[in-house]
Amino acid sequence: MPKGYWIAQVDVNSDEGYKPYAAANAAIFKKFGGRFIIRAGKSESMEGNARSRNVVIEFPDYASALACYRSPEYQANIKVRQPHSTADILIIEGYDGPQP
């Protein structure tokens, strides 16, 4: 079964205001089997528009990725984040087929 992923691009306008959101995410993501693959490392936009932070979180499957986002815990935490950042978040099913 393919894994599920969150792909997030975020611009933070208040680091101090954003910290409680980031801190609360650890327990939420762990509950749904999530783990960071990419977390705000160096990046360079080669095409299109980009935000200052990029995050990829891997979940055991697509259903877990959706359940985490829709959970009451994460929905409450979104309200902590929103005044301090702008985000684009995509939830996507991984590819588990043949490789080149």
C-alpha atoms as a PDB file:
ATOM      1  CA  MET A   1       0.000   0.000   0.000  1.00  0.00           C
ATOM      2  CA  PRO A   2       1.459   3.404  -0.944  1.00  0.00           C
ATOM      3  CA  LYS A   3       2.391   5.831   1.770  1.00  0.00           C
ATOM      4  CA  GLY A   4       0.667   9.178   2.218  1.00  0.00           C
ATOM      5  CA  TYR A   5       2.421  12.528   2.287  1.00  0.00           C
ATOM      6  CA  TRP A   6       1.784  16.086   3.327  1.00  0.00           C
ATOM      7  CA  ILE A   7       3.620  18.583   1.157  1.00  0.00           C
ATOM      8  CA  ALA A   8       3.560  22.011   2.750  1.00  0.00           C
ATOM      9  CA  GLN A   9       5.007  25.337   1.675  1.00  0.00           C
ATOM     10  CA  VAL A  10       4.910  27.983   4.373  1.00  0.00           C
ATOM     11  CA  ASP A  11       5.797  31.643   4.827  1.00  0.00           C
ATOM     12  CA  VAL A  12       6.121  32.518   8.519  1.00  0.00           C
ATOM     13  CA  ASN A  13       5.595  36.150   9.475  1.00  0.00           C
ATOM     14  CA  SER A  14       6.152  35.678  13.244  1.00  0.00           C
ATOM     15  CA  ASP A  15       8.656  33.075  14.411  1.00  0.00           C
ATOM     16  CA  GLU A  16       7.591  33.490  18.044  1.00  0.00           C
ATOM     17  CA  GLY A  17       3.915  33.105  17.193  1.00  0.00           C
ATOM     18  CA  TYR A  18       4.640  30.039  15.044  1.00  0.00           C
ATOM     19  CA  LYS A  19       6.638  28.147  17.688  1.00  0.00           C
ATOM     20  CA  PRO A  20       3.624  26.821  19.670  1.00  0.00           C
ATOM     21  CA  TYR A  21       2.141  25.406  16.464  1.00  0.00           C
ATOM     22  CA  ALA A  22       5.371  23.622  15.551  1.00  0.00           C
ATOM     23  CA  ALA A  23       5.806  22.278  19.090  1.00  0.00           C
ATOM     24  CA  ALA A  24       2.270  20.843  19.226  1.00  0.00           C
ATOM     25  CA  ASN A  25       2.685  19.050  15.900  1.00  0.00           C
ATOM     26  CA  ALA A  26       5.085  16.417  17.260  1.00  0.00           C
ATOM     27  CA  ALA A  27       2.423  14.619  19.311  1.00  0.00           C
ATOM     28  CA  ILE A  28      -0.223  15.016  16.599  1.00  0.00           C
ATOM     29  CA  PHE A  29       1.954  13.603  13.821  1.00  0.00           C
ATOM     30  CA  LYS A  30       3.208  10.754  16.043  1.00  0.00           C
ATOM     31  CA  LYS A  31      -0.383   9.705  16.797  1.00  0.00           C
ATOM     32  CA  PHE A  32      -0.965   9.124  13.062  1.00  0.00           C
ATOM     33  CA  GLY A  33       2.438   7.598  12.291  1.00  0.00           C
ATOM     34  CA  GLY A  34       3.825  10.725  10.625  1.00  0.00           C
ATOM     35  CA  ARG A  35       7.507  11.498  10.285  1.00  0.00           C
ATOM     36  CA  PHE A  36       9.376  14.391   8.737  1.00  0.00           C
ATOM     37  CA  ILE A  37      11.135  13.695   5.458  1.00  0.00           C
ATOM     38  CA  ILE A  38      11.896  17.366   4.749  1.00  0.00           C
ATOM     39  CA  ARG A  39      11.652  20.107   7.350  1.00  0.00           C
ATOM     40  CA  ALA A  40      12.666  23.607   6.262  1.00  0.00           C
ATOM     41  CA  GLY A  41      16.083  22.659   4.892  1.00  0.00           C
ATOM     42  CA  LYS A  42      17.958  24.566   2.224  1.00  0.00           C
ATOM     43  CA  SER A  43      16.031  24.934  -0.995  1.00  0.00           C
ATOM     44  CA  GLU A  44      16.244  26.714  -4.298  1.00  0.00           C
ATOM     45  CA  SER A  45      13.202  27.304  -6.458  1.00  0.00           C
ATOM     46  CA  MET A  46      13.989  26.242  -9.999  1.00  0.00           C
ATOM     47  CA  GLU A  47      10.574  26.987 -11.528  1.00  0.00           C
ATOM     48  CA  GLY A  48       7.352  28.581 -10.362  1.00  0.00           C
ATOM     49  CA  ASN A  49       6.576  30.223  -7.058  1.00  0.00           C
ATOM     50  CA  ALA A  50       7.917  29.051  -3.717  1.00  0.00           C
ATOM     51  CA  ARG A  51       7.494  29.884  -0.063  1.00  0.00           C
ATOM     52  CA  SER A  52      10.332  30.257   2.425  1.00  0.00           C
ATOM     53  CA  ARG A  53       9.776  26.901   4.206  1.00  0.00           C
ATOM     54  CA  ASN A  54       9.116  23.512   2.667  1.00  0.00           C
ATOM     55  CA  VAL A  55       7.978  20.463   4.609  1.00  0.00           C
ATOM     56  CA  VAL A  56       7.247  16.863   3.588  1.00  0.00           C
ATOM     57  CA  ILE A  57       5.712  14.535   6.165  1.00  0.00           C
ATOM     58  CA  GLU A  58       5.384  10.819   5.447  1.00  0.00           C
ATOM     59  CA  PHE A  59       2.493   8.744   6.831  1.00  0.00           C
ATOM     60  CA  PRO A  60       1.957   4.966   6.703  1.00  0.00           C
ATOM     61  CA  ASP A  61      -0.773   5.476   4.078  1.00  0.00           C
ATOM     62  CA  TYR A  62      -2.974   8.079   2.424  1.00  0.00           C
ATOM     63  CA  ALA A  63      -5.864   7.477   4.861  1.00  0.00           C
ATOM     64  CA  SER A  64      -3.587   8.229   7.845  1.00  0.00           C
ATOM     65  CA  ALA A  65      -2.361  11.441   6.218  1.00  0.00           C
ATOM     66  CA  LEU A  66      -5.957  12.591   5.698  1.00  0.00           C
ATOM     67  CA  ALA A  67      -7.027  11.502   9.187  1.00  0.00           C
ATOM     68  CA  CYS A  68      -4.200  13.499  10.764  1.00  0.00           C
ATOM     69  CA  TYR A  69      -5.136  16.681   8.910  1.00  0.00           C
ATOM     70  CA  ARG A  70      -8.832  16.248   9.709  1.00  0.00           C
ATOM     71  CA  SER A  71      -8.253  15.320  13.375  1.00  0.00           C
ATOM     72  CA  PRO A  72      -9.646  17.633  16.070  1.00  0.00           C
ATOM     73  CA  GLU A  73      -6.106  18.100  17.404  1.00  0.00           C
ATOM     74  CA  TYR A  74      -4.694  19.345  14.118  1.00  0.00           C
ATOM     75  CA  GLN A  75      -7.753  21.432  13.283  1.00  0.00           C
ATOM     76  CA  ALA A  76      -7.301  23.231  16.624  1.00  0.00           C
ATOM     77  CA  ASN A  77      -3.586  23.684  15.903  1.00  0.00           C
ATOM     78  CA  ILE A  78      -4.310  25.265  12.513  1.00  0.00           C
ATOM     79  CA  LYS A  79      -5.923  28.146  14.403  1.00  0.00           C
ATOM     80  CA  VAL A  80      -2.634  28.639  16.269  1.00  0.00           C
ATOM     81  CA  ARG A  81      -0.686  28.755  12.991  1.00  0.00           C
ATOM     82  CA  GLN A  82      -2.897  30.913  10.809  1.00  0.00           C
ATOM     83  CA  PRO A  83      -2.297  34.335  12.403  1.00  0.00           C
ATOM     84  CA  HIS A  84       1.467  33.820  12.078  1.00  0.00           C
ATOM     85  CA  SER A  85       1.905  32.237   8.647  1.00  0.00           C
ATOM     86  CA  THR A  86       0.534  31.541   5.199  1.00  0.00           C
ATOM     87  CA  ALA A  87       0.616  27.940   4.020  1.00  0.00           C
ATOM     88  CA  ASP A  88      -0.172  25.776   1.024  1.00  0.00           C
ATOM     89  CA  ILE A  89      -0.702  22.153   2.083  1.00  0.00           C
ATOM     90  CA  LEU A  90      -1.226  19.236  -0.273  1.00  0.00           C
ATOM     91  CA  ILE A  91      -1.975  15.677   0.824  1.00  0.00           C
ATOM     92  CA  ILE A  92      -0.961  13.116  -1.757  1.00  0.00           C
ATOM     93  CA  GLU A  93      -0.719   9.369  -2.128  1.00  0.00           C
ATOM     94  CA  GLY A  94       2.765   8.037  -2.778  1.00  0.00           C
ATOM     95  CA  TYR A  95       3.725   6.012  -5.822  1.00  0.00           C
ATOM     96  CA  ASP A  96       4.283   2.322  -5.251  1.00  0.00           C
ATOM     97  CA  GLY A  97       4.687   1.155  -8.854  1.00  0.00           C
ATOM     98  CA  PRO A  98       7.604   0.292 -11.120  1.00  0.00           C
ATOM     99  CA  GLN A  99      10.596   2.586 -11.196  1.00  0.00           C
ATOM    100  CA  PRO A 100      12.738   3.509 -14.212  1.00  0.00           C
END
